[in-house]
Amino acid sequence: MPRTKTGVTRSKRHKKILNLAKGYRGTNSRLYKRAKEAVLHAGQYAYIGRRLRKRDFRKLWITRISAAVKEVDPEYNYSRFMNDLKKANIGINRKMLSEMAIHSFEDFKEVVKKARG
């Protein structure tokens, strides 16, 4: 049985990694070994970033709601508002409340009044 070389397979594998590493700085986009490491790290950062994005948006929504609630009534705060929403059986999520606070503040005021009872 004749000996086989890895020429075609290896060049395809290297080409795939080097294409993924396009735009990276310095040798990270040119040398295979460095590019492979850079692509692996980039994948890890992307994975972590997808989880962090969810946390960051939730923080943003909470901050917006808190500011809007304080604008409606300076004595009222976010945690009491969310507790009153649950007690009043109003099932609007934080994302929607945040959008309401920005785009339709009058409707948001109504929700706050209903939650307060």
C-alpha atoms as a PDB file:
ATOM      1  CA  MET A   1       0.000   0.000   0.000  1.00  0.00           C
ATOM      2  CA  PRO A   2       1.500   3.364  -0.992  1.00  0.00           C
ATOM      3  CA  ARG A   3       2.319   6.014   1.563  1.00  0.00           C
ATOM      4  CA  THR A   4      -0.109   8.944   1.702  1.00  0.00           C
ATOM      5  CA  LYS A   5       0.866  12.493   2.451  1.00  0.00           C
ATOM      6  CA  THR A   6      -1.271  15.034   4.294  1.00  0.00           C
ATOM      7  CA  GLY A   7      -0.613  17.874   1.848  1.00  0.00           C
ATOM      8  CA  VAL A   8      -4.147  18.580   0.635  1.00  0.00           C
ATOM      9  CA  THR A   9      -5.837  17.868   3.961  1.00  0.00           C
ATOM     10  CA  ARG A  10      -3.364  19.960   5.940  1.00  0.00           C
ATOM     11  CA  SER A  11      -3.529  22.918   3.576  1.00  0.00           C
ATOM     12  CA  LYS A  12      -7.344  22.872   3.693  1.00  0.00           C
ATOM     13  CA  ARG A  13      -7.300  22.784   7.493  1.00  0.00           C
ATOM     14  CA  HIS A  14      -4.749  25.596   7.678  1.00  0.00           C
ATOM     15  CA  LYS A  15      -6.639  27.668   5.115  1.00  0.00           C
ATOM     16  CA  LYS A  16      -9.862  27.340   7.113  1.00  0.00           C
ATOM     17  CA  ILE A  17      -8.188  28.619  10.292  1.00  0.00           C
ATOM     18  CA  LEU A  18      -6.348  31.425   8.474  1.00  0.00           C
ATOM     19  CA  ASN A  19      -9.626  32.578   6.892  1.00  0.00           C
ATOM     20  CA  LEU A  20     -11.243  32.704  10.339  1.00  0.00           C
ATOM     21  CA  ALA A  21      -8.275  34.754  11.599  1.00  0.00           C
ATOM     22  CA  LYS A  22      -8.545  37.411   8.867  1.00  0.00           C
ATOM     23  CA  GLY A  23      -8.298  40.905  10.289  1.00  0.00           C
ATOM     24  CA  TYR A  24      -6.377  39.884  13.401  1.00  0.00           C
ATOM     25  CA  ARG A  25      -3.269  41.910  14.246  1.00  0.00           C
ATOM     26  CA  GLY A  26       0.240  40.927  13.202  1.00  0.00           C
ATOM     27  CA  THR A  27       1.191  37.276  12.957  1.00  0.00           C
ATOM     28  CA  ASN A  28      -2.171  36.217  14.404  1.00  0.00           C
ATOM     29  CA  SER A  29      -3.574  36.451  10.901  1.00  0.00           C
ATOM     30  CA  ARG A  30      -0.548  35.042   9.018  1.00  0.00           C
ATOM     31  CA  LEU A  31       1.074  32.186  10.922  1.00  0.00           C
ATOM     32  CA  TYR A  32      -0.985  29.044  11.395  1.00  0.00           C
ATOM     33  CA  LYS A  33       0.071  28.244  14.966  1.00  0.00           C
ATOM     34  CA  ARG A  34      -0.628  31.778  16.215  1.00  0.00           C
ATOM     35  CA  ALA A  35      -3.836  32.019  14.172  1.00  0.00           C
ATOM     36  CA  LYS A  36      -5.162  28.773  15.638  1.00  0.00           C
ATOM     37  CA  GLU A  37      -4.608  30.049  19.189  1.00  0.00           C
ATOM     38  CA  ALA A  38      -6.185  33.397  18.338  1.00  0.00           C
ATOM     39  CA  VAL A  39      -9.253  31.752  16.790  1.00  0.00           C
ATOM     40  CA  LEU A  40      -9.696  29.501  19.848  1.00  0.00           C
ATOM     41  CA  HIS A  41      -9.491  32.487  22.191  1.00  0.00           C
ATOM     42  CA  ALA A  42     -11.843  34.511  20.004  1.00  0.00           C
ATOM     43  CA  GLY A  43     -14.377  31.691  20.186  1.00  0.00           C
ATOM     44  CA  GLN A  44     -14.170  31.664  23.974  1.00  0.00           C
ATOM     45  CA  TYR A  45     -14.587  35.440  24.176  1.00  0.00           C
ATOM     46  CA  ALA A  46     -17.581  35.266  21.835  1.00  0.00           C
ATOM     47  CA  TYR A  47     -19.203  32.552  23.959  1.00  0.00           C
ATOM     48  CA  ILE A  48     -18.667  34.537  27.163  1.00  0.00           C
ATOM     49  CA  GLY A  49     -19.876  37.718  25.459  1.00  0.00           C
ATOM     50  CA  ARG A  50     -23.165  36.121  24.487  1.00  0.00           C
ATOM     51  CA  ARG A  51     -23.861  35.435  28.154  1.00  0.00           C
ATOM     52  CA  LEU A  52     -22.662  38.848  29.328  1.00  0.00           C
ATOM     53  CA  ARG A  53     -24.943  40.592  26.825  1.00  0.00           C
ATOM     54  CA  LYS A  54     -28.006  39.150  28.559  1.00  0.00           C
ATOM     55  CA  ARG A  55     -26.788  40.430  31.944  1.00  0.00           C
ATOM     56  CA  ASP A  56     -25.932  43.851  30.557  1.00  0.00           C
ATOM     57  CA  PHE A  57     -29.331  44.327  28.946  1.00  0.00           C
ATOM     58  CA  ARG A  58     -31.144  43.276  32.116  1.00  0.00           C
ATOM     59  CA  LYS A  59     -29.075  45.853  34.079  1.00  0.00           C
ATOM     60  CA  LEU A  60     -29.959  48.517  31.513  1.00  0.00           C
ATOM     61  CA  TRP A  61     -33.691  47.750  31.689  1.00  0.00           C
ATOM     62  CA  ILE A  62     -33.647  47.854  35.489  1.00  0.00           C
ATOM     63  CA  THR A  63     -31.843  51.210  35.487  1.00  0.00           C
ATOM     64  CA  ARG A  64     -34.352  52.670  33.007  1.00  0.00           C
ATOM     65  CA  ILE A  65     -37.364  51.412  34.962  1.00  0.00           C
ATOM     66  CA  SER A  66     -35.904  52.700  38.216  1.00  0.00           C
ATOM     67  CA  ALA A  67     -35.350  56.170  36.740  1.00  0.00           C
ATOM     68  CA  ALA A  68     -38.862  56.251  35.256  1.00  0.00           C
ATOM     69  CA  VAL A  69     -40.486  55.151  38.531  1.00  0.00           C
ATOM     70  CA  LYS A  70     -38.616  57.872  40.402  1.00  0.00           C
ATOM     71  CA  GLU A  71     -39.807  60.393  37.805  1.00  0.00           C
ATOM     72  CA  VAL A  72     -43.426  59.382  38.413  1.00  0.00           C
ATOM     73  CA  ASP A  73     -43.034  59.526  42.202  1.00  0.00           C
ATOM     74  CA  PRO A  74     -39.726  60.468  43.884  1.00  0.00           C
ATOM     75  CA  GLU A  75     -40.667  58.531  47.038  1.00  0.00           C
ATOM     76  CA  TYR A  76     -41.301  55.285  45.107  1.00  0.00           C
ATOM     77  CA  ASN A  77     -38.462  52.941  44.133  1.00  0.00           C
ATOM     78  CA  TYR A  78     -37.771  50.058  41.751  1.00  0.00           C
ATOM     79  CA  SER A  79     -37.938  47.181  44.212  1.00  0.00           C
ATOM     80  CA  ARG A  80     -41.275  48.288  45.686  1.00  0.00           C
ATOM     81  CA  PHE A  81     -42.644  48.837  42.176  1.00  0.00           C
ATOM     82  CA  MET A  82     -41.692  45.305  41.056  1.00  0.00           C
ATOM     83  CA  ASN A  83     -43.181  43.843  44.249  1.00  0.00           C
ATOM     84  CA  ASP A  84     -46.426  45.775  43.693  1.00  0.00           C
ATOM     85  CA  LEU A  85     -46.552  44.556  40.071  1.00  0.00           C
ATOM     86  CA  LYS A  86     -46.411  40.958  41.260  1.00  0.00           C
ATOM     87  CA  LYS A  87     -49.077  41.565  43.907  1.00  0.00           C
ATOM     88  CA  ALA A  88     -51.340  43.264  41.350  1.00  0.00           C
ATOM     89  CA  ASN A  89     -50.854  40.285  38.996  1.00  0.00           C
ATOM     90  CA  ILE A  90     -49.479  42.453  36.186  1.00  0.00           C
ATOM     91  CA  GLY A  91     -47.227  40.265  34.044  1.00  0.00           C
ATOM     92  CA  ILE A  92     -45.171  42.749  32.039  1.00  0.00           C
ATOM     93  CA  ASN A  93     -41.493  41.886  31.740  1.00  0.00           C
ATOM     94  CA  ARG A  94     -38.631  44.312  32.366  1.00  0.00           C
ATOM     95  CA  LYS A  95     -37.831  44.737  28.678  1.00  0.00           C
ATOM     96  CA  MET A  96     -41.370  45.886  27.885  1.00  0.00           C
ATOM     97  CA  LEU A  97     -41.541  48.134  30.954  1.00  0.00           C
ATOM     98  CA  SER A  98     -38.277  49.759  29.881  1.00  0.00           C
ATOM     99  CA  GLU A  99     -39.591  50.332  26.339  1.00  0.00           C
ATOM    100  CA  MET A 100     -42.804  51.800  27.742  1.00  0.00           C
ATOM    101  CA  ALA A 101     -40.815  54.152  29.982  1.00  0.00           C
ATOM    102  CA  ILE A 102     -38.916  55.459  26.948  1.00  0.00           C
ATOM    103  CA  HIS A 103     -41.536  55.559  24.195  1.00  0.00           C
ATOM    104  CA  SER A 104     -44.909  55.904  25.942  1.00  0.00           C
ATOM    105  CA  PHE A 105     -44.370  57.464  29.332  1.00  0.00           C
ATOM    106  CA  GLU A 106     -48.106  58.148  29.890  1.00  0.00           C
ATOM    107  CA  ASP A 107     -48.874  54.426  29.590  1.00  0.00           C
ATOM    108  CA  PHE A 108     -46.018  53.683  31.984  1.00  0.00           C
ATOM    109  CA  LYS A 109     -47.534  56.113  34.508  1.00  0.00           C
ATOM    110  CA  GLU A 110     -50.819  54.206  34.270  1.00  0.00           C
ATOM    111  CA  VAL A 111     -49.038  50.906  34.967  1.00  0.00           C
ATOM    112  CA  VAL A 112     -47.348  52.460  38.015  1.00  0.00           C
ATOM    113  CA  LYS A 113     -50.683  53.749  39.315  1.00  0.00           C
ATOM    114  CA  LYS A 114     -52.346  50.352  38.805  1.00  0.00           C
ATOM    115  CA  ALA A 115     -49.478  48.585  40.532  1.00  0.00           C
ATOM    116  CA  ARG A 116     -49.711  50.941  43.505  1.00  0.00           C
ATOM    117  CA  GLY A 117     -53.379  50.199  43.894  1.00  0.00           C
END
